[in-house]
Amino acid sequence: MEKTNVVNAVGKGGETYLTTCQNKQELEKWLAEHKDEIIIDELKVIDKVRNPLLKIFSRNK
């Protein structure tokens, strides 16, 4: 099973950010790119395990 991090954050202007990262490096990159735009106290990162069958249906075309 593939592990995915789901990121849910609130922006300083009231925006809602929802994204997924495949690994720790991708998560750290996303956080570094958005650190000035989000409220760190409102940040939630959830580790999810993705079913391999879902990977087949979610491929970028």
N, C-alpha and C. Protein backbone atom coordinates (compact mmCIF):
# COMPACT_ATOMS: atom_id res chain seq x y z
N MET A 1 0.84 -1.18 0.00
CA MET A 1 0.00 0.00 0.00
C MET A 1 0.88 1.25 0.00
N GLU A 2 0.45 2.22 -0.71
CA GLU A 2 1.20 3.47 -0.85
C GLU A 2 0.77 4.45 0.24
N LYS A 3 1.74 5.10 0.87
CA LYS A 3 1.45 6.06 1.93
C LYS A 3 1.37 7.46 1.32
N THR A 4 0.36 8.21 1.72
CA THR A 4 0.15 9.56 1.23
C THR A 4 -0.10 10.48 2.41
N ASN A 5 0.42 11.71 2.35
CA ASN A 5 0.16 12.71 3.37
C ASN A 5 -0.89 13.67 2.83
N VAL A 6 -1.96 13.85 3.59
CA VAL A 6 -2.99 14.81 3.23
C VAL A 6 -2.74 16.06 4.05
N VAL A 7 -2.62 17.21 3.37
CA VAL A 7 -2.33 18.48 4.03
C VAL A 7 -3.57 19.35 3.97
N ASN A 8 -4.01 19.82 5.13
CA ASN A 8 -5.13 20.72 5.24
C ASN A 8 -4.64 21.94 6.01
N ALA A 9 -4.71 23.11 5.37
CA ALA A 9 -4.19 24.32 6.01
C ALA A 9 -5.13 25.49 5.75
N VAL A 10 -5.07 26.48 6.63
CA VAL A 10 -5.85 27.71 6.49
C VAL A 10 -4.88 28.84 6.17
N GLY A 11 -5.22 29.61 5.14
CA GLY A 11 -4.38 30.73 4.74
C GLY A 11 -4.64 31.97 5.57
N LYS A 12 -3.71 32.89 5.54
CA LYS A 12 -3.83 34.13 6.31
C LYS A 12 -4.98 35.00 5.83
N GLY A 13 -5.41 34.81 4.59
CA GLY A 13 -6.54 35.55 4.04
C GLY A 13 -7.84 34.78 4.14
N GLY A 14 -7.84 33.65 4.85
CA GLY A 14 -9.04 32.84 5.02
C GLY A 14 -9.17 31.72 4.00
N GLU A 15 -8.18 31.57 3.12
CA GLU A 15 -8.22 30.51 2.13
C GLU A 15 -8.07 29.15 2.79
N THR A 16 -8.56 28.12 2.13
CA THR A 16 -8.38 26.75 2.58
C THR A 16 -7.49 26.03 1.58
N TYR A 17 -6.45 25.41 2.08
CA TYR A 17 -5.53 24.64 1.24
C TYR A 17 -5.74 23.16 1.55
N LEU A 18 -5.92 22.37 0.52
CA LEU A 18 -6.04 20.92 0.66
C LEU A 18 -5.22 20.30 -0.45
N THR A 19 -4.22 19.53 -0.09
CA THR A 19 -3.35 18.91 -1.07
C THR A 19 -2.83 17.59 -0.54
N THR A 20 -2.24 16.80 -1.41
CA THR A 20 -1.63 15.55 -1.00
C THR A 20 -0.17 15.54 -1.41
N CYS A 21 0.65 14.91 -0.60
CA CYS A 21 2.07 14.77 -0.87
C CYS A 21 2.42 13.29 -0.77
N GLN A 22 3.25 12.81 -1.67
CA GLN A 22 3.58 11.39 -1.73
C GLN A 22 4.65 10.96 -0.73
N ASN A 23 5.49 11.91 -0.31
CA ASN A 23 6.57 11.54 0.62
C ASN A 23 6.96 12.76 1.46
N LYS A 24 7.87 12.54 2.39
CA LYS A 24 8.27 13.60 3.32
C LYS A 24 8.94 14.77 2.61
N GLN A 25 9.76 14.48 1.60
CA GLN A 25 10.44 15.55 0.87
C GLN A 25 9.44 16.44 0.13
N GLU A 26 8.44 15.83 -0.49
CA GLU A 26 7.41 16.60 -1.18
C GLU A 26 6.61 17.45 -0.20
N LEU A 27 6.34 16.90 0.99
CA LEU A 27 5.63 17.64 2.03
C LEU A 27 6.45 18.84 2.50
N GLU A 28 7.73 18.61 2.76
CA GLU A 28 8.60 19.71 3.20
C GLU A 28 8.72 20.79 2.14
N LYS A 29 8.77 20.41 0.87
CA LYS A 29 8.85 21.38 -0.23
C LYS A 29 7.57 22.22 -0.28
N TRP A 30 6.40 21.56 -0.15
CA TRP A 30 5.12 22.29 -0.18
C TRP A 30 5.05 23.28 0.98
N LEU A 31 5.45 22.83 2.16
CA LEU A 31 5.42 23.71 3.34
C LEU A 31 6.36 24.90 3.17
N ALA A 32 7.54 24.67 2.61
CA ALA A 32 8.50 25.76 2.39
C ALA A 32 7.95 26.78 1.39
N GLU A 33 7.26 26.30 0.36
CA GLU A 33 6.71 27.19 -0.67
C GLU A 33 5.53 28.02 -0.14
N HIS A 34 4.80 27.50 0.85
CA HIS A 34 3.58 28.15 1.32
C HIS A 34 3.67 28.69 2.74
N LYS A 35 4.87 28.67 3.36
CA LYS A 35 4.99 29.05 4.77
C LYS A 35 4.55 30.49 5.05
N ASP A 36 4.71 31.39 4.09
CA ASP A 36 4.30 32.78 4.30
C ASP A 36 2.81 33.00 4.09
N GLU A 37 2.14 32.02 3.49
CA GLU A 37 0.72 32.16 3.15
C GLU A 37 -0.22 31.46 4.13
N ILE A 38 0.31 30.54 4.94
CA ILE A 38 -0.57 29.74 5.81
C ILE A 38 -0.35 30.06 7.28
N ILE A 39 -1.37 29.73 8.08
CA ILE A 39 -1.28 29.86 9.54
C ILE A 39 -0.81 28.50 10.06
N ILE A 40 0.39 28.47 10.58
CA ILE A 40 1.00 27.21 11.00
C ILE A 40 0.18 26.53 12.10
N ASP A 41 -0.45 27.30 12.98
CA ASP A 41 -1.25 26.71 14.06
C ASP A 41 -2.49 25.99 13.53
N GLU A 42 -2.92 26.31 12.31
CA GLU A 42 -4.10 25.70 11.71
C GLU A 42 -3.74 24.57 10.76
N LEU A 43 -2.47 24.20 10.67
CA LEU A 43 -1.99 23.18 9.76
C LEU A 43 -2.28 21.79 10.30
N LYS A 44 -2.82 20.91 9.43
CA LYS A 44 -3.05 19.52 9.80
C LYS A 44 -2.48 18.65 8.70
N VAL A 45 -1.68 17.67 9.09
CA VAL A 45 -1.10 16.71 8.15
C VAL A 45 -1.56 15.33 8.61
N ILE A 46 -2.21 14.60 7.72
CA ILE A 46 -2.75 13.29 8.05
C ILE A 46 -2.06 12.26 7.16
N ASP A 47 -1.51 11.22 7.78
CA ASP A 47 -0.91 10.12 7.02
C ASP A 47 -2.01 9.16 6.62
N LYS A 48 -2.09 8.87 5.33
CA LYS A 48 -3.08 7.93 4.82
C LYS A 48 -2.35 6.83 4.07
N VAL A 49 -2.94 5.67 4.06
CA VAL A 49 -2.44 4.57 3.25
C VAL A 49 -3.42 4.38 2.11
N ARG A 50 -2.90 4.49 0.89
CA ARG A 50 -3.74 4.42 -0.30
C ARG A 50 -3.78 3.00 -0.85
N ASN A 51 -4.95 2.58 -1.23
CA ASN A 51 -5.13 1.30 -1.85
C ASN A 51 -4.45 1.29 -3.22
N PRO A 52 -3.68 0.28 -3.57
CA PRO A 52 -3.00 0.25 -4.86
C PRO A 52 -3.95 0.33 -6.05
N LEU A 53 -5.16 -0.15 -5.92
CA LEU A 53 -6.12 -0.05 -7.02
C LEU A 53 -6.50 1.39 -7.33
N LEU A 54 -6.52 2.24 -6.31
CA LEU A 54 -6.85 3.65 -6.54
C LEU A 54 -5.78 4.34 -7.37
N LYS A 55 -4.55 3.86 -7.27
CA LYS A 55 -3.45 4.44 -8.04
C LYS A 55 -3.70 4.30 -9.54
N ILE A 56 -4.28 3.20 -9.93
CA ILE A 56 -4.58 2.95 -11.35
C ILE A 56 -5.55 4.00 -11.89
N PHE A 57 -6.56 4.32 -11.09
CA PHE A 57 -7.61 5.25 -11.52
C PHE A 57 -7.24 6.72 -11.38
N SER A 58 -6.19 7.03 -10.64
CA SER A 58 -5.84 8.43 -10.39
C SER A 58 -4.62 8.90 -11.18
N ARG A 59 -4.18 8.14 -12.14
CA ARG A 59 -3.01 8.53 -12.93
C ARG A 59 -3.30 9.77 -13.76
N ASN A 60 -2.30 10.64 -13.87
CA ASN A 60 -2.43 11.82 -14.71
C ASN A 60 -2.35 11.40 -16.17
N LYS A 61 -3.22 11.99 -16.96
CA LYS A 61 -3.24 11.67 -18.40
C LYS A 61 -2.59 12.74 -19.20
